[in-house]
Amino acid sequence: MTAAPVLDGAEGRSPARPGSRDRGSVTVELVLVFPLIIMFLFLVILAGRVTDARSDVVAAANDAARVASLQTSGAQAEAQAQLAAEATLAGEGVDCVGGVDVETRVEGSGGFGRGAVVVIDVSCDVTTSDLLLLDVGGGVITVREQGREPVDTHRSL
């Protein structure tokens, strides 16, 4: 003979199984947490992209400063610095929105000559519009870096 099921109170229902009240809670948790996980993933991608672009702009500024320091005049230094920065960023695959902005100046008392220091400021606007959920800076982040190099003392005059 089998035992009759024990009824829970006057309602006439069987006792609750463990976890029966939690049915569907995993789905609700997933629906609430999934967008946060996706946003975190986009933030990680954005941080990586900005870090990579910053590293490339640092290299471009340093390359431009070195090339400028080897020139014989300030005008040549400015022109060659622009070309060097553009070439470095193009070689790294960085697409600057609106082009690469390069500013050249010489620090020192004698103008562009021995003992002076060439200072190059490189600026690049990196697009983030493909990261759909993150509208950071209107889809563009500006990365600026500076390179400094003494004018080469062994260059020919």
C-alpha atoms as a PDB file:
ATOM      1  CA  MET A   1       0.000   0.000   0.000  1.00  0.00           C
ATOM      2  CA  THR A   2       1.266   3.471  -0.926  1.00  0.00           C
ATOM      3  CA  ALA A   3       1.093   6.438   1.337  1.00  0.00           C
ATOM      4  CA  ALA A   4      -1.225   9.256   0.389  1.00  0.00           C
ATOM      5  CA  PRO A   5       0.485  12.546  -0.435  1.00  0.00           C
ATOM      6  CA  VAL A   6       0.659  14.987   2.421  1.00  0.00           C
ATOM      7  CA  LEU A   7      -1.398  18.067   1.711  1.00  0.00           C
ATOM      8  CA  ASP A   8      -0.174  21.536   2.642  1.00  0.00           C
ATOM      9  CA  GLY A   9      -2.790  23.229   4.793  1.00  0.00           C
ATOM     10  CA  ALA A  10      -6.392  23.679   3.763  1.00  0.00           C
ATOM     11  CA  GLU A  11      -5.627  24.654   0.143  1.00  0.00           C
ATOM     12  CA  GLY A  12      -5.122  21.078  -0.879  1.00  0.00           C
ATOM     13  CA  ARG A  13      -1.757  21.441  -2.640  1.00  0.00           C
ATOM     14  CA  SER A  14       1.292  19.319  -2.260  1.00  0.00           C
ATOM     15  CA  PRO A  15       4.334  20.715  -0.458  1.00  0.00           C
ATOM     16  CA  ALA A  16       6.613  22.943  -2.522  1.00  0.00           C
ATOM     17  CA  ARG A  17       9.664  21.373  -4.096  1.00  0.00           C
ATOM     18  CA  PRO A  18      12.983  23.018  -3.331  1.00  0.00           C
ATOM     19  CA  GLY A  19      13.620  25.897  -5.764  1.00  0.00           C
ATOM     20  CA  SER A  20      10.161  25.903  -7.322  1.00  0.00           C
ATOM     21  CA  ARG A  21       9.672  29.556  -6.375  1.00  0.00           C
ATOM     22  CA  ASP A  22      12.869  30.474  -8.252  1.00  0.00           C
ATOM     23  CA  ARG A  23      11.736  29.120 -11.625  1.00  0.00           C
ATOM     24  CA  GLY A  24      12.531  31.698 -14.342  1.00  0.00           C
ATOM     25  CA  SER A  25      14.752  33.826 -12.097  1.00  0.00           C
ATOM     26  CA  VAL A  26      17.854  32.979 -14.131  1.00  0.00           C
ATOM     27  CA  THR A  27      16.175  34.339 -17.250  1.00  0.00           C
ATOM     28  CA  VAL A  28      15.251  37.555 -15.479  1.00  0.00           C
ATOM     29  CA  GLU A  29      18.780  37.927 -14.108  1.00  0.00           C
ATOM     30  CA  LEU A  30      20.248  37.342 -17.554  1.00  0.00           C
ATOM     31  CA  VAL A  31      17.966  39.934 -19.124  1.00  0.00           C
ATOM     32  CA  LEU A  32      19.027  42.466 -16.492  1.00  0.00           C
ATOM     33  CA  VAL A  33      22.759  41.684 -16.494  1.00  0.00           C
ATOM     34  CA  PHE A  34      23.385  41.016 -20.213  1.00  0.00           C
ATOM     35  CA  PRO A  35      23.245  44.701 -21.306  1.00  0.00           C
ATOM     36  CA  LEU A  36      25.732  45.576 -18.544  1.00  0.00           C
ATOM     37  CA  ILE A  37      28.090  42.876 -19.760  1.00  0.00           C
ATOM     38  CA  ILE A  38      27.845  44.184 -23.329  1.00  0.00           C
ATOM     39  CA  MET A  39      28.514  47.780 -22.171  1.00  0.00           C
ATOM     40  CA  PHE A  40      31.540  46.589 -20.200  1.00  0.00           C
ATOM     41  CA  LEU A  41      32.818  44.786 -23.293  1.00  0.00           C
ATOM     42  CA  PHE A  42      32.472  47.981 -25.359  1.00  0.00           C
ATOM     43  CA  LEU A  43      34.297  49.957 -22.654  1.00  0.00           C
ATOM     44  CA  VAL A  44      37.175  47.473 -22.755  1.00  0.00           C
ATOM     45  CA  ILE A  45      37.325  47.780 -26.555  1.00  0.00           C
ATOM     46  CA  LEU A  46      37.257  51.590 -26.299  1.00  0.00           C
ATOM     47  CA  ALA A  47      40.050  51.612 -23.709  1.00  0.00           C
ATOM     48  CA  GLY A  48      42.144  49.332 -25.894  1.00  0.00           C
ATOM     49  CA  ARG A  49      41.572  51.448 -28.972  1.00  0.00           C
ATOM     50  CA  VAL A  50      42.473  54.695 -27.202  1.00  0.00           C
ATOM     51  CA  THR A  51      45.571  53.133 -25.626  1.00  0.00           C
ATOM     52  CA  ASP A  52      46.703  51.791 -28.985  1.00  0.00           C
ATOM     53  CA  ALA A  53      46.079  55.152 -30.695  1.00  0.00           C
ATOM     54  CA  ARG A  54      47.945  56.988 -27.928  1.00  0.00           C
ATOM     55  CA  SER A  55      50.921  54.668 -28.347  1.00  0.00           C
ATOM     56  CA  ASP A  56      50.933  55.248 -32.109  1.00  0.00           C
ATOM     57  CA  VAL A  57      50.698  59.036 -31.688  1.00  0.00           C
ATOM     58  CA  VAL A  58      53.610  58.949 -29.216  1.00  0.00           C
ATOM     59  CA  ALA A  59      55.665  57.092 -31.830  1.00  0.00           C
ATOM     60  CA  ALA A  60      54.626  59.590 -34.516  1.00  0.00           C
ATOM     61  CA  ALA A  61      55.597  62.566 -32.336  1.00  0.00           C
ATOM     62  CA  ASN A  62      58.972  61.050 -31.509  1.00  0.00           C
ATOM     63  CA  ASP A  63      59.655  60.130 -35.146  1.00  0.00           C
ATOM     64  CA  ALA A  64      58.668  63.615 -36.299  1.00  0.00           C
ATOM     65  CA  ALA A  65      60.885  65.258 -33.679  1.00  0.00           C
ATOM     66  CA  ARG A  66      63.867  63.131 -34.684  1.00  0.00           C
ATOM     67  CA  VAL A  67      63.391  63.860 -38.397  1.00  0.00           C
ATOM     68  CA  ALA A  68      62.926  67.578 -37.705  1.00  0.00           C
ATOM     69  CA  SER A  69      66.104  67.708 -35.622  1.00  0.00           C
ATOM     70  CA  LEU A  70      68.150  66.509 -38.606  1.00  0.00           C
ATOM     71  CA  GLN A  71      67.040  69.320 -40.943  1.00  0.00           C
ATOM     72  CA  THR A  72      69.011  72.459 -41.740  1.00  0.00           C
ATOM     73  CA  SER A  73      66.246  75.040 -41.267  1.00  0.00           C
ATOM     74  CA  GLY A  74      63.050  75.568 -39.328  1.00  0.00           C
ATOM     75  CA  ALA A  75      60.932  75.490 -42.503  1.00  0.00           C
ATOM     76  CA  GLN A  76      62.433  72.155 -43.558  1.00  0.00           C
ATOM     77  CA  ALA A  77      61.982  70.817 -40.044  1.00  0.00           C
ATOM     78  CA  GLU A  78      58.291  71.720 -40.075  1.00  0.00           C
ATOM     79  CA  ALA A  79      57.632  70.144 -43.475  1.00  0.00           C
ATOM     80  CA  GLN A  80      59.565  66.959 -42.713  1.00  0.00           C
ATOM     81  CA  ALA A  81      57.935  66.603 -39.275  1.00  0.00           C
ATOM     82  CA  GLN A  82      54.478  66.676 -40.882  1.00  0.00           C
ATOM     83  CA  LEU A  83      55.483  64.011 -43.422  1.00  0.00           C
ATOM     84  CA  ALA A  84      57.115  61.813 -40.769  1.00  0.00           C
ATOM     85  CA  ALA A  85      54.100  61.943 -38.440  1.00  0.00           C
ATOM     86  CA  GLU A  86      51.690  61.134 -41.283  1.00  0.00           C
ATOM     87  CA  ALA A  87      53.879  58.250 -42.467  1.00  0.00           C
ATOM     88  CA  THR A  88      54.193  56.756 -38.978  1.00  0.00           C
ATOM     89  CA  LEU A  89      50.456  56.875 -38.307  1.00  0.00           C
ATOM     90  CA  ALA A  90      49.627  55.525 -41.768  1.00  0.00           C
ATOM     91  CA  GLY A  91      52.100  52.692 -41.219  1.00  0.00           C
ATOM     92  CA  GLU A  92      50.377  51.794 -37.957  1.00  0.00           C
ATOM     93  CA  GLY A  93      46.942  51.864 -39.595  1.00  0.00           C
ATOM     94  CA  VAL A  94      45.645  54.801 -37.555  1.00  0.00           C
ATOM     95  CA  ASP A  95      42.968  56.736 -39.419  1.00  0.00           C
ATOM     96  CA  CYS A  96      42.914  60.313 -38.131  1.00  0.00           C
ATOM     97  CA  VAL A  97      39.614  62.052 -38.825  1.00  0.00           C
ATOM     98  CA  GLY A  98      40.477  65.301 -40.608  1.00  0.00           C
ATOM     99  CA  GLY A  99      44.149  64.361 -40.935  1.00  0.00           C
ATOM    100  CA  VAL A 100      47.139  64.590 -38.639  1.00  0.00           C
ATOM    101  CA  ASP A 101      47.746  67.957 -36.958  1.00  0.00           C
ATOM    102  CA  VAL A 102      51.454  68.649 -36.382  1.00  0.00           C
ATOM    103  CA  GLU A 103      52.776  71.787 -34.691  1.00  0.00           C
ATOM    104  CA  THR A 104      56.505  72.475 -34.685  1.00  0.00           C
ATOM    105  CA  ARG A 105      58.399  74.911 -32.509  1.00  0.00           C
ATOM    106  CA  VAL A 106      62.016  75.440 -31.522  1.00  0.00           C
ATOM    107  CA  GLU A 107      63.082  76.118 -27.966  1.00  0.00           C
ATOM    108  CA  GLY A 108      66.430  77.757 -27.431  1.00  0.00           C
ATOM    109  CA  SER A 109      68.059  81.145 -27.644  1.00  0.00           C
ATOM    110  CA  GLY A 110      69.630  80.881 -31.092  1.00  0.00           C
ATOM    111  CA  GLY A 111      66.660  79.800 -33.200  1.00  0.00           C
ATOM    112  CA  PHE A 112      67.008  76.620 -35.232  1.00  0.00           C
ATOM    113  CA  GLY A 113      70.623  75.661 -34.667  1.00  0.00           C
ATOM    114  CA  ARG A 114      72.967  73.760 -32.428  1.00  0.00           C
ATOM    115  CA  GLY A 115      71.835  73.727 -28.836  1.00  0.00           C
ATOM    116  CA  ALA A 116      68.156  74.240 -29.702  1.00  0.00           C
ATOM    117  CA  VAL A 117      65.423  71.708 -29.025  1.00  0.00           C
ATOM    118  CA  VAL A 118      62.736  70.842 -31.575  1.00  0.00           C
ATOM    119  CA  VAL A 119      59.324  70.299 -29.976  1.00  0.00           C
ATOM    120  CA  ILE A 120      56.622  68.544 -31.998  1.00  0.00           C
ATOM    121  CA  ASP A 121      52.967  68.372 -30.940  1.00  0.00           C
ATOM    122  CA  VAL A 122      50.976  65.713 -32.806  1.00  0.00           C
ATOM    123  CA  SER A 123      47.188  65.564 -32.584  1.00  0.00           C
ATOM    124  CA  CYS A 124      44.912  62.899 -34.066  1.00  0.00           C
ATOM    125  CA  ASP A 125      41.123  62.523 -33.849  1.00  0.00           C
ATOM    126  CA  VAL A 126      40.263  58.817 -33.543  1.00  0.00           C
ATOM    127  CA  THR A 127      36.751  57.704 -34.433  1.00  0.00           C
ATOM    128  CA  THR A 128      34.681  55.625 -32.018  1.00  0.00           C
ATOM    129  CA  SER A 129      31.412  55.769 -33.941  1.00  0.00           C
ATOM    130  CA  ASP A 130      31.544  52.040 -34.671  1.00  0.00           C
ATOM    131  CA  LEU A 131      31.100  51.350 -30.953  1.00  0.00           C
ATOM    132  CA  LEU A 132      27.368  51.861 -31.228  1.00  0.00           C
ATOM    133  CA  LEU A 133      26.428  51.791 -27.554  1.00  0.00           C
ATOM    134  CA  LEU A 134      29.109  54.253 -26.471  1.00  0.00           C
ATOM    135  CA  ASP A 135      28.599  57.800 -27.665  1.00  0.00           C
ATOM    136  CA  VAL A 136      31.894  59.104 -26.327  1.00  0.00           C
ATOM    137  CA  GLY A 137      32.812  62.616 -27.403  1.00  0.00           C
ATOM    138  CA  GLY A 138      30.403  62.558 -30.327  1.00  0.00           C
ATOM    139  CA  GLY A 139      32.129  59.506 -31.795  1.00  0.00           C
ATOM    140  CA  VAL A 140      35.606  61.111 -31.885  1.00  0.00           C
ATOM    141  CA  ILE A 141      38.379  61.144 -29.276  1.00  0.00           C
ATOM    142  CA  THR A 142      41.340  63.481 -29.694  1.00  0.00           C
ATOM    143  CA  VAL A 143      44.751  62.055 -28.849  1.00  0.00           C
ATOM    144  CA  ARG A 144      47.611  64.551 -28.373  1.00  0.00           C
ATOM    145  CA  GLU A 145      51.250  63.798 -27.664  1.00  0.00           C
ATOM    146  CA  GLN A 146      54.546  65.658 -27.728  1.00  0.00           C
ATOM    147  CA  GLY A 147      58.003  64.717 -28.959  1.00  0.00           C
ATOM    148  CA  ARG A 148      61.220  66.583 -28.102  1.00  0.00           C
ATOM    149  CA  GLU A 149      64.621  66.214 -29.690  1.00  0.00           C
ATOM    150  CA  PRO A 150      67.757  68.367 -29.571  1.00  0.00           C
ATOM    151  CA  VAL A 151      68.912  69.690 -32.916  1.00  0.00           C
ATOM    152  CA  ASP A 152      71.586  67.310 -34.163  1.00  0.00           C
ATOM    153  CA  THR A 153      75.005  68.780 -33.308  1.00  0.00           C
ATOM    154  CA  HIS A 154      76.780  66.648 -35.896  1.00  0.00           C
ATOM    155  CA  ARG A 155      74.641  67.552 -38.903  1.00  0.00           C
ATOM    156  CA  SER A 156      76.202  69.284 -41.861  1.00  0.00           C
ATOM    157  CA  LEU A 157      75.516  72.983 -42.207  1.00  0.00           C
END
